[in-house]
């Protein structure tokens, strides 16, 4: 049995995501938009959709990451985050699979380390799909 979050009807580009981004506050929306664009750029096979009210990226129909905006922060989340290498210890959460990074306006974020986590999540989901 696959432990991947699958079965989504994805699109190369989902207009609902762009509308969601526009509806966010300027400061938090800019953070979410930036990191979602990094996710979108992982590869030509990246697809997207709105899942549980937040922008989610997939390879084929398997989700690997998302962004979500809260009152005072943005989460950059990973569906298999508990299993990706995090040498800078950015990931938070105690769930069996999921982890996230909280980003707050005005606070330092290690851009290189977070981009590496996104790339690792993309590589991880790609490997898992090839192994099926």
C-alpha atoms as a PDB file:
ATOM      1  CA  UNK A   1       0.000   0.000   0.000  1.00  0.00           C
ATOM      2  CA  UNK A   2       1.328   3.432  -0.973  1.00  0.00           C
ATOM      3  CA  UNK A   3       1.705   5.902   1.865  1.00  0.00           C
ATOM      4  CA  UNK A   4       1.745   8.765  -0.599  1.00  0.00           C
ATOM      5  CA  UNK A   5      -1.042  11.326  -0.543  1.00  0.00           C
ATOM      6  CA  UNK A   6      -2.433  10.645  -4.027  1.00  0.00           C
ATOM      7  CA  UNK A   7      -5.448  10.744  -6.261  1.00  0.00           C
ATOM      8  CA  UNK A   8      -5.693  14.443  -6.937  1.00  0.00           C
ATOM      9  CA  UNK A   9      -7.007  16.061 -10.099  1.00  0.00           C
ATOM     10  CA  UNK A  10      -4.035  18.360 -10.663  1.00  0.00           C
ATOM     11  CA  UNK A  11      -3.297  21.035 -13.240  1.00  0.00           C
ATOM     12  CA  UNK A  12      -0.090  22.502 -14.615  1.00  0.00           C
ATOM     13  CA  UNK A  13      -1.298  25.845 -13.293  1.00  0.00           C
ATOM     14  CA  UNK A  14      -4.418  26.279 -11.140  1.00  0.00           C
ATOM     15  CA  UNK A  15      -6.099  29.689 -11.363  1.00  0.00           C
ATOM     16  CA  UNK A  16      -7.646  29.087  -7.926  1.00  0.00           C
ATOM     17  CA  UNK A  17      -4.155  29.259  -6.427  1.00  0.00           C
ATOM     18  CA  UNK A  18      -3.437  32.626  -7.988  1.00  0.00           C
ATOM     19  CA  UNK A  19      -6.788  33.905  -6.666  1.00  0.00           C
ATOM     20  CA  UNK A  20      -5.977  32.515  -3.200  1.00  0.00           C
ATOM     21  CA  UNK A  21      -2.606  34.282  -3.233  1.00  0.00           C
ATOM     22  CA  UNK A  22      -4.243  37.590  -4.187  1.00  0.00           C
ATOM     23  CA  UNK A  23      -6.678  37.259  -1.266  1.00  0.00           C
ATOM     24  CA  UNK A  24      -3.869  37.093   1.328  1.00  0.00           C
ATOM     25  CA  UNK A  25      -2.474  40.103   3.192  1.00  0.00           C
ATOM     26  CA  UNK A  26       0.363  41.788   1.309  1.00  0.00           C
ATOM     27  CA  UNK A  27       3.137  40.793   3.723  1.00  0.00           C
ATOM     28  CA  UNK A  28       2.134  37.173   4.341  1.00  0.00           C
ATOM     29  CA  UNK A  29       0.927  36.723   0.784  1.00  0.00           C
ATOM     30  CA  UNK A  30       4.314  37.781  -0.573  1.00  0.00           C
ATOM     31  CA  UNK A  31       6.043  35.155   1.581  1.00  0.00           C
ATOM     32  CA  UNK A  32       3.602  32.432   0.509  1.00  0.00           C
ATOM     33  CA  UNK A  33       3.817  33.426  -3.156  1.00  0.00           C
ATOM     34  CA  UNK A  34       7.624  33.412  -3.139  1.00  0.00           C
ATOM     35  CA  UNK A  35       7.937  29.928  -1.658  1.00  0.00           C
ATOM     36  CA  UNK A  36       5.140  28.498  -3.779  1.00  0.00           C
ATOM     37  CA  UNK A  37       6.940  29.800  -6.858  1.00  0.00           C
ATOM     38  CA  UNK A  38      10.078  27.973  -5.665  1.00  0.00           C
ATOM     39  CA  UNK A  39       7.982  24.790  -5.435  1.00  0.00           C
ATOM     40  CA  UNK A  40       6.507  25.347  -8.893  1.00  0.00           C
ATOM     41  CA  UNK A  41      10.027  25.662 -10.335  1.00  0.00           C
ATOM     42  CA  UNK A  42      11.235  22.270  -9.062  1.00  0.00           C
ATOM     43  CA  UNK A  43      10.609  20.546 -12.395  1.00  0.00           C
ATOM     44  CA  UNK A  44       8.522  20.428 -15.528  1.00  0.00           C
ATOM     45  CA  UNK A  45       6.446  17.635 -14.017  1.00  0.00           C
ATOM     46  CA  UNK A  46       5.197  19.713 -11.059  1.00  0.00           C
ATOM     47  CA  UNK A  47       1.423  20.005 -10.944  1.00  0.00           C
ATOM     48  CA  UNK A  48      -0.767  21.903  -8.476  1.00  0.00           C
ATOM     49  CA  UNK A  49      -4.160  22.205  -6.870  1.00  0.00           C
ATOM     50  CA  UNK A  50      -5.953  23.631  -3.873  1.00  0.00           C
ATOM     51  CA  UNK A  51      -6.086  20.910  -1.190  1.00  0.00           C
ATOM     52  CA  UNK A  52      -7.779  21.483   2.162  1.00  0.00           C
ATOM     53  CA  UNK A  53      -7.889  25.197   1.402  1.00  0.00           C
ATOM     54  CA  UNK A  54      -4.220  25.733   0.652  1.00  0.00           C
ATOM     55  CA  UNK A  55      -1.985  25.664  -2.434  1.00  0.00           C
ATOM     56  CA  UNK A  56      -0.374  22.255  -2.893  1.00  0.00           C
ATOM     57  CA  UNK A  57       2.224  20.977  -5.347  1.00  0.00           C
ATOM     58  CA  UNK A  58       2.387  17.445  -6.699  1.00  0.00           C
ATOM     59  CA  UNK A  59       4.282  15.279  -9.098  1.00  0.00           C
ATOM     60  CA  UNK A  60       1.617  13.568 -11.176  1.00  0.00           C
ATOM     61  CA  UNK A  61      -1.137  13.065  -8.561  1.00  0.00           C
ATOM     62  CA  UNK A  62       1.155  12.712  -5.498  1.00  0.00           C
ATOM     63  CA  UNK A  63       1.424  15.719  -3.164  1.00  0.00           C
ATOM     64  CA  UNK A  64       4.823  16.740  -1.830  1.00  0.00           C
ATOM     65  CA  UNK A  65       4.541  20.289  -0.434  1.00  0.00           C
ATOM     66  CA  UNK A  66       2.192  23.186   0.301  1.00  0.00           C
ATOM     67  CA  UNK A  67       1.970  26.717   1.646  1.00  0.00           C
ATOM     68  CA  UNK A  68      -0.630  28.060   4.033  1.00  0.00           C
ATOM     69  CA  UNK A  69      -1.174  31.507   5.516  1.00  0.00           C
ATOM     70  CA  UNK A  70      -2.214  32.003   9.121  1.00  0.00           C
ATOM     71  CA  UNK A  71      -2.858  35.169  11.134  1.00  0.00           C
ATOM     72  CA  UNK A  72       0.822  35.922  11.845  1.00  0.00           C
ATOM     73  CA  UNK A  73       2.871  33.406   9.860  1.00  0.00           C
ATOM     74  CA  UNK A  74       3.154  31.270   6.744  1.00  0.00           C
ATOM     75  CA  UNK A  75       3.732  27.527   6.816  1.00  0.00           C
ATOM     76  CA  UNK A  76       5.797  25.859   4.135  1.00  0.00           C
ATOM     77  CA  UNK A  77       4.830  22.230   4.614  1.00  0.00           C
ATOM     78  CA  UNK A  78       5.973  18.847   3.419  1.00  0.00           C
ATOM     79  CA  UNK A  79       3.741  15.791   3.210  1.00  0.00           C
ATOM     80  CA  UNK A  80       6.712  13.412   3.808  1.00  0.00           C
ATOM     81  CA  UNK A  81       8.751  15.926   5.797  1.00  0.00           C
ATOM     82  CA  UNK A  82       9.533  13.511   8.613  1.00  0.00           C
ATOM     83  CA  UNK A  83      11.620  11.529   6.131  1.00  0.00           C
ATOM     84  CA  UNK A  84      13.679  14.251   4.472  1.00  0.00           C
ATOM     85  CA  UNK A  85      17.085  15.347   5.694  1.00  0.00           C
ATOM     86  CA  UNK A  86      16.972  18.624   7.640  1.00  0.00           C
ATOM     87  CA  UNK A  87      20.565  19.494   8.625  1.00  0.00           C
ATOM     88  CA  UNK A  88      19.615  23.070   9.638  1.00  0.00           C
ATOM     89  CA  UNK A  89      16.710  21.847  11.812  1.00  0.00           C
ATOM     90  CA  UNK A  90      14.103  24.085  10.203  1.00  0.00           C
ATOM     91  CA  UNK A  91      11.277  21.559  10.272  1.00  0.00           C
ATOM     92  CA  UNK A  92       8.649  21.599  12.991  1.00  0.00           C
ATOM     93  CA  UNK A  93       5.946  19.103  13.871  1.00  0.00           C
ATOM     94  CA  UNK A  94       5.592  15.723  15.474  1.00  0.00           C
ATOM     95  CA  UNK A  95       3.268  13.925  13.069  1.00  0.00           C
ATOM     96  CA  UNK A  96       4.117  10.556  11.609  1.00  0.00           C
ATOM     97  CA  UNK A  97       4.766  12.005   8.134  1.00  0.00           C
ATOM     98  CA  UNK A  98       4.201  15.762   7.838  1.00  0.00           C
ATOM     99  CA  UNK A  99       6.499  18.598   8.858  1.00  0.00           C
ATOM    100  CA  UNK A 100       6.461  22.351   8.216  1.00  0.00           C
ATOM    101  CA  UNK A 101       8.590  25.476   8.474  1.00  0.00           C
ATOM    102  CA  UNK A 102       6.997  28.584  10.016  1.00  0.00           C
ATOM    103  CA  UNK A 103       7.929  31.877   8.400  1.00  0.00           C
ATOM    104  CA  UNK A 104       7.144  35.192  10.065  1.00  0.00           C
ATOM    105  CA  UNK A 105       7.495  38.644   8.503  1.00  0.00           C
ATOM    106  CA  UNK A 106      10.685  40.359   9.561  1.00  0.00           C
ATOM    107  CA  UNK A 107      12.317  37.197  10.902  1.00  0.00           C
ATOM    108  CA  UNK A 108      15.398  35.647   9.332  1.00  0.00           C
ATOM    109  CA  UNK A 109      14.883  32.590   7.176  1.00  0.00           C
ATOM    110  CA  UNK A 110      17.723  30.512   5.830  1.00  0.00           C
ATOM    111  CA  UNK A 111      16.649  30.736   2.180  1.00  0.00           C
ATOM    112  CA  UNK A 112      19.251  28.245   0.993  1.00  0.00           C
ATOM    113  CA  UNK A 113      18.268  25.651   3.603  1.00  0.00           C
ATOM    114  CA  UNK A 114      14.533  26.050   2.925  1.00  0.00           C
ATOM    115  CA  UNK A 115      15.051  25.808  -0.836  1.00  0.00           C
ATOM    116  CA  UNK A 116      17.091  22.644  -0.196  1.00  0.00           C
ATOM    117  CA  UNK A 117      14.190  21.164   1.796  1.00  0.00           C
ATOM    118  CA  UNK A 118      11.795  21.900  -1.063  1.00  0.00           C
ATOM    119  CA  UNK A 119      14.163  20.322  -3.572  1.00  0.00           C
ATOM    120  CA  UNK A 120      14.639  17.309  -1.281  1.00  0.00           C
ATOM    121  CA  UNK A 121      10.870  16.839  -0.990  1.00  0.00           C
ATOM    122  CA  UNK A 122      10.541  17.001  -4.774  1.00  0.00           C
ATOM    123  CA  UNK A 123      13.379  14.496  -5.279  1.00  0.00           C
ATOM    124  CA  UNK A 124      11.876  12.234  -2.607  1.00  0.00           C
ATOM    125  CA  UNK A 125       8.423  12.122  -4.209  1.00  0.00           C
ATOM    126  CA  UNK A 126       9.965  11.557  -7.635  1.00  0.00           C
ATOM    127  CA  UNK A 127      11.971   8.588  -6.298  1.00  0.00           C
ATOM    128  CA  UNK A 128       8.908   7.144  -4.572  1.00  0.00           C
ATOM    129  CA  UNK A 129       6.813   7.373  -7.727  1.00  0.00           C
ATOM    130  CA  UNK A 130       9.521   5.699  -9.816  1.00  0.00           C
ATOM    131  CA  UNK A 131       9.728   2.864  -7.272  1.00  0.00           C
ATOM    132  CA  UNK A 132       6.005   2.083  -7.537  1.00  0.00           C
END
